[in-house]
Amino acid sequence: MIAPASGRNSVIYVTIIIGYLLTLMALPEWAQSFRPQWVALILIYWCMALPERIGVGVGFLVGLLLDVLTGTLLGQHALGLSVVAYLTIKLHLRVRVMPLRQQVFTIFILLLVERLLALWSTGAAGYPTPSLWYWATPVVGMLLWPWIYILLRDTRRRFHVS
């Protein structure tokens, strides 16, 4: 049985909400630097899978809500996620045909771009420079990408999201 179109759209929103919840989940102090960029990873997947439906505007809105939820500088994540969504849409045809072990490096670059833009915006606002552990997050996201990709791909197929 195929789910109705509105139900298929809600799968995308539910996965993004799960990304928000994972981002807001409490972690011990030592693990804060290793928190993956959950929302960015989920947005990258949906931009690769459905570039005609999930784009720069969705990336901007998702990032703006992430700014509000995390209490960061307003527009910091919105800028980063909209640029990541744009780059993902531009590269999606090339990245989708790569084996997962090669996709990991492209995802790493996209996550680095998001972190660089966040660093730039916080630096422009006069906040202090974070420690080197700030750069551990894209590495963790890169290592998690194969499992996130497989999980979201199976979810998309199960609910016939197209």
C-alpha atoms as a PDB file:
ATOM      1  CA  MET A   1       0.000   0.000   0.000  1.00  0.00           C
ATOM      2  CA  ILE A   2       1.346   3.397  -0.973  1.00  0.00           C
ATOM      3  CA  ALA A   3       1.032   6.226   1.530  1.00  0.00           C
ATOM      4  CA  PRO A   4      -0.835   9.385   0.474  1.00  0.00           C
ATOM      5  CA  ALA A   5       1.255  12.296  -0.768  1.00  0.00           C
ATOM      6  CA  SER A   6       0.838  14.299   2.451  1.00  0.00           C
ATOM      7  CA  GLY A   7       2.047  11.325   4.487  1.00  0.00           C
ATOM      8  CA  ARG A   8       5.045  10.939   2.240  1.00  0.00           C
ATOM      9  CA  ASN A   9       5.947  14.613   2.738  1.00  0.00           C
ATOM     10  CA  SER A  10       5.629  14.301   6.487  1.00  0.00           C
ATOM     11  CA  VAL A  11       8.385  11.660   6.521  1.00  0.00           C
ATOM     12  CA  ILE A  12      10.851  14.360   5.474  1.00  0.00           C
ATOM     13  CA  TYR A  13       9.683  16.699   8.228  1.00  0.00           C
ATOM     14  CA  VAL A  14       9.749  13.950  10.851  1.00  0.00           C
ATOM     15  CA  THR A  15      13.360  13.108  10.009  1.00  0.00           C
ATOM     16  CA  ILE A  16      14.339  16.773  10.299  1.00  0.00           C
ATOM     17  CA  ILE A  17      12.541  17.001  13.660  1.00  0.00           C
ATOM     18  CA  ILE A  18      14.464  13.915  14.806  1.00  0.00           C
ATOM     19  CA  GLY A  19      17.632  15.750  13.769  1.00  0.00           C
ATOM     20  CA  TYR A  20      16.596  18.706  15.934  1.00  0.00           C
ATOM     21  CA  LEU A  21      15.930  16.398  18.887  1.00  0.00           C
ATOM     22  CA  LEU A  22      19.307  14.703  18.495  1.00  0.00           C
ATOM     23  CA  THR A  23      20.963  18.123  18.337  1.00  0.00           C
ATOM     24  CA  LEU A  24      19.223  19.276  21.524  1.00  0.00           C
ATOM     25  CA  MET A  25      19.880  16.029  23.402  1.00  0.00           C
ATOM     26  CA  ALA A  26      21.994  16.519  26.504  1.00  0.00           C
ATOM     27  CA  LEU A  27      25.528  15.157  26.336  1.00  0.00           C
ATOM     28  CA  PRO A  28      28.308  15.022  28.926  1.00  0.00           C
ATOM     29  CA  GLU A  29      30.718  17.939  28.871  1.00  0.00           C
ATOM     30  CA  TRP A  30      33.532  15.884  27.325  1.00  0.00           C
ATOM     31  CA  ALA A  31      31.296  14.765  24.426  1.00  0.00           C
ATOM     32  CA  GLN A  32      30.040  18.226  23.427  1.00  0.00           C
ATOM     33  CA  SER A  33      32.806  18.661  20.858  1.00  0.00           C
ATOM     34  CA  PHE A  34      31.907  15.372  19.201  1.00  0.00           C
ATOM     35  CA  ARG A  35      28.197  16.094  18.653  1.00  0.00           C
ATOM     36  CA  PRO A  36      27.438  15.361  14.981  1.00  0.00           C
ATOM     37  CA  GLN A  37      25.786  17.958  12.788  1.00  0.00           C
ATOM     38  CA  TRP A  38      22.570  15.919  12.693  1.00  0.00           C
ATOM     39  CA  VAL A  39      20.410  18.488  10.940  1.00  0.00           C
ATOM     40  CA  ALA A  40      23.066  19.169   8.302  1.00  0.00           C
ATOM     41  CA  LEU A  41      23.498  15.447   7.610  1.00  0.00           C
ATOM     42  CA  ILE A  42      19.746  14.912   7.234  1.00  0.00           C
ATOM     43  CA  LEU A  43      19.423  17.995   5.025  1.00  0.00           C
ATOM     44  CA  ILE A  44      22.278  16.778   2.819  1.00  0.00           C
ATOM     45  CA  TYR A  45      20.563  13.428   2.374  1.00  0.00           C
ATOM     46  CA  TRP A  46      17.214  14.949   1.379  1.00  0.00           C
ATOM     47  CA  CYS A  47      18.875  17.440  -0.971  1.00  0.00           C
ATOM     48  CA  MET A  48      20.630  14.539  -2.687  1.00  0.00           C
ATOM     49  CA  ALA A  49      17.563  12.306  -2.792  1.00  0.00           C
ATOM     50  CA  LEU A  50      14.936  14.921  -3.707  1.00  0.00           C
ATOM     51  CA  PRO A  51      16.692  18.032  -5.052  1.00  0.00           C
ATOM     52  CA  GLU A  52      13.524  19.248  -6.772  1.00  0.00           C
ATOM     53  CA  ARG A  53      11.645  19.387  -3.437  1.00  0.00           C
ATOM     54  CA  ILE A  54      14.260  20.137  -0.800  1.00  0.00           C
ATOM     55  CA  GLY A  55      16.447  23.092  -1.664  1.00  0.00           C
ATOM     56  CA  VAL A  56      18.120  26.262  -0.519  1.00  0.00           C
ATOM     57  CA  GLY A  57      14.914  27.765   0.904  1.00  0.00           C
ATOM     58  CA  VAL A  58      14.281  24.693   3.024  1.00  0.00           C
ATOM     59  CA  GLY A  59      17.919  24.777   4.135  1.00  0.00           C
ATOM     60  CA  PHE A  60      17.546  28.411   5.166  1.00  0.00           C
ATOM     61  CA  LEU A  61      14.325  27.770   7.129  1.00  0.00           C
ATOM     62  CA  VAL A  62      15.719  24.643   8.788  1.00  0.00           C
ATOM     63  CA  GLY A  63      18.854  26.592   9.741  1.00  0.00           C
ATOM     64  CA  LEU A  64      16.859  29.525  11.074  1.00  0.00           C
ATOM     65  CA  LEU A  65      14.831  27.215  13.308  1.00  0.00           C
ATOM     66  CA  LEU A  66      18.060  25.548  14.427  1.00  0.00           C
ATOM     67  CA  ASP A  67      19.427  28.984  15.376  1.00  0.00           C
ATOM     68  CA  VAL A  68      16.340  29.662  17.468  1.00  0.00           C
ATOM     69  CA  LEU A  69      16.379  26.234  19.136  1.00  0.00           C
ATOM     70  CA  THR A  70      20.077  26.265  20.007  1.00  0.00           C
ATOM     71  CA  GLY A  71      20.277  29.941  20.946  1.00  0.00           C
ATOM     72  CA  THR A  72      23.105  30.701  18.547  1.00  0.00           C
ATOM     73  CA  LEU A  73      23.608  33.856  16.551  1.00  0.00           C
ATOM     74  CA  LEU A  74      20.487  34.340  14.412  1.00  0.00           C
ATOM     75  CA  GLY A  75      21.321  33.391  10.833  1.00  0.00           C
ATOM     76  CA  GLN A  76      24.476  31.445  11.652  1.00  0.00           C
ATOM     77  CA  HIS A  77      23.076  28.007  10.818  1.00  0.00           C
ATOM     78  CA  ALA A  78      20.693  29.475   8.244  1.00  0.00           C
ATOM     79  CA  LEU A  79      23.621  30.743   6.187  1.00  0.00           C
ATOM     80  CA  GLY A  80      25.614  27.530   6.551  1.00  0.00           C
ATOM     81  CA  LEU A  81      22.759  25.157   5.790  1.00  0.00           C
ATOM     82  CA  SER A  82      21.529  27.146   2.804  1.00  0.00           C
ATOM     83  CA  VAL A  83      25.034  27.121   1.286  1.00  0.00           C
ATOM     84  CA  VAL A  84      25.369  23.387   2.032  1.00  0.00           C
ATOM     85  CA  ALA A  85      21.959  22.761   0.428  1.00  0.00           C
ATOM     86  CA  TYR A  86      23.024  24.719  -2.658  1.00  0.00           C
ATOM     87  CA  LEU A  87      26.308  22.834  -2.998  1.00  0.00           C
ATOM     88  CA  THR A  88      24.590  19.487  -2.432  1.00  0.00           C
ATOM     89  CA  ILE A  89      22.024  20.191  -5.134  1.00  0.00           C
ATOM     90  CA  LYS A  90      24.788  21.236  -7.536  1.00  0.00           C
ATOM     91  CA  LEU A  91      26.747  18.036  -6.823  1.00  0.00           C
ATOM     92  CA  HIS A  92      23.911  15.564  -6.235  1.00  0.00           C
ATOM     93  CA  LEU A  93      24.163  13.798  -9.610  1.00  0.00           C
ATOM     94  CA  ARG A  94      27.864  13.118  -9.088  1.00  0.00           C
ATOM     95  CA  VAL A  95      27.654  12.186  -5.425  1.00  0.00           C
ATOM     96  CA  ARG A  96      24.695   9.800  -5.760  1.00  0.00           C
ATOM     97  CA  VAL A  97      26.561   7.514  -8.159  1.00  0.00           C
ATOM     98  CA  MET A  98      29.647   7.307  -5.921  1.00  0.00           C
ATOM     99  CA  PRO A  99      30.106   4.321  -3.633  1.00  0.00           C
ATOM    100  CA  LEU A 100      29.426   5.132   0.010  1.00  0.00           C
ATOM    101  CA  ARG A 101      33.126   5.109   0.920  1.00  0.00           C
ATOM    102  CA  GLN A 102      33.713   7.891  -1.635  1.00  0.00           C
ATOM    103  CA  GLN A 103      30.610   9.852  -0.650  1.00  0.00           C
ATOM    104  CA  VAL A 104      32.066  10.161   2.825  1.00  0.00           C
ATOM    105  CA  PHE A 105      34.756  12.581   1.626  1.00  0.00           C
ATOM    106  CA  THR A 106      32.262  14.825  -0.160  1.00  0.00           C
ATOM    107  CA  ILE A 107      30.085  14.882   2.953  1.00  0.00           C
ATOM    108  CA  PHE A 108      33.156  15.807   5.000  1.00  0.00           C
ATOM    109  CA  ILE A 109      33.814  18.811   2.741  1.00  0.00           C
ATOM    110  CA  LEU A 110      30.162  19.911   2.959  1.00  0.00           C
ATOM    111  CA  LEU A 111      30.219  19.664   6.757  1.00  0.00           C
ATOM    112  CA  LEU A 112      33.486  21.610   6.826  1.00  0.00           C
ATOM    113  CA  VAL A 113      31.887  24.363   4.728  1.00  0.00           C
ATOM    114  CA  GLU A 114      29.028  24.585   7.228  1.00  0.00           C
ATOM    115  CA  ARG A 115      31.459  24.799  10.152  1.00  0.00           C
ATOM    116  CA  LEU A 116      33.609  27.404   8.380  1.00  0.00           C
ATOM    117  CA  LEU A 117      30.594  29.620   7.735  1.00  0.00           C
ATOM    118  CA  ALA A 118      29.504  29.250  11.365  1.00  0.00           C
ATOM    119  CA  LEU A 119      33.008  30.172  12.513  1.00  0.00           C
ATOM    120  CA  TRP A 120      33.067  33.149  10.188  1.00  0.00           C
ATOM    121  CA  SER A 121      29.706  34.462  11.416  1.00  0.00           C
ATOM    122  CA  THR A 122      30.598  34.081  15.091  1.00  0.00           C
ATOM    123  CA  GLY A 123      33.981  35.713  14.470  1.00  0.00           C
ATOM    124  CA  ALA A 124      32.320  38.609  12.642  1.00  0.00           C
ATOM    125  CA  ALA A 125      30.033  39.079  15.638  1.00  0.00           C
ATOM    126  CA  GLY A 126      33.038  39.323  17.953  1.00  0.00           C
ATOM    127  CA  TYR A 127      32.788  35.995  19.742  1.00  0.00           C
ATOM    128  CA  PRO A 128      36.036  34.254  20.766  1.00  0.00           C
ATOM    129  CA  THR A 129      37.611  31.628  18.534  1.00  0.00           C
ATOM    130  CA  PRO A 130      36.700  28.064  19.592  1.00  0.00           C
ATOM    131  CA  SER A 131      39.314  25.427  20.362  1.00  0.00           C
ATOM    132  CA  LEU A 132      40.619  22.882  17.877  1.00  0.00           C
ATOM    133  CA  TRP A 133      37.961  20.411  19.074  1.00  0.00           C
ATOM    134  CA  TYR A 134      35.517  22.540  17.064  1.00  0.00           C
ATOM    135  CA  TRP A 135      36.749  20.683  13.962  1.00  0.00           C
ATOM    136  CA  ALA A 136      36.009  17.216  15.393  1.00  0.00           C
ATOM    137  CA  THR A 137      32.330  17.541  14.511  1.00  0.00           C
ATOM    138  CA  PRO A 138      32.741  17.198  10.720  1.00  0.00           C
ATOM    139  CA  VAL A 139      34.926  14.124  11.244  1.00  0.00           C
ATOM    140  CA  VAL A 140      32.234  12.486  13.389  1.00  0.00           C
ATOM    141  CA  GLY A 141      29.588  13.376  10.788  1.00  0.00           C
ATOM    142  CA  MET A 142      31.742  11.894   8.049  1.00  0.00           C
ATOM    143  CA  LEU A 143      32.080   8.643   9.994  1.00  0.00           C
ATOM    144  CA  LEU A 144      28.327   8.488  10.642  1.00  0.00           C
ATOM    145  CA  TRP A 145      27.321   9.240   7.041  1.00  0.00           C
ATOM    146  CA  PRO A 146      27.103   5.624   5.768  1.00  0.00           C
ATOM    147  CA  TRP A 147      24.672   4.651   8.529  1.00  0.00           C
ATOM    148  CA  ILE A 148      22.602   7.819   8.180  1.00  0.00           C
ATOM    149  CA  TYR A 149      22.464   7.362   4.413  1.00  0.00           C
ATOM    150  CA  ILE A 150      21.326   3.737   4.665  1.00  0.00           C
ATOM    151  CA  LEU A 151      18.768   4.502   7.382  1.00  0.00           C
ATOM    152  CA  LEU A 152      17.224   7.450   5.505  1.00  0.00           C
ATOM    153  CA  ARG A 153      17.304   5.614   2.164  1.00  0.00           C
ATOM    154  CA  ASP A 154      15.435   2.662   3.665  1.00  0.00           C
ATOM    155  CA  THR A 155      12.936   5.030   5.299  1.00  0.00           C
ATOM    156  CA  ARG A 156      12.395   6.818   1.987  1.00  0.00           C
ATOM    157  CA  ARG A 157      11.800   3.519   0.208  1.00  0.00           C
ATOM    158  CA  ARG A 158       9.509   2.123   2.918  1.00  0.00           C
ATOM    159  CA  PHE A 159       7.254   5.188   2.809  1.00  0.00           C
ATOM    160  CA  HIS A 160       7.545   5.650  -0.979  1.00  0.00           C
ATOM    161  CA  VAL A 161       8.824   9.221  -0.685  1.00  0.00           C
ATOM    162  CA  SER A 162       9.607  10.483  -4.168  1.00  0.00           C
END
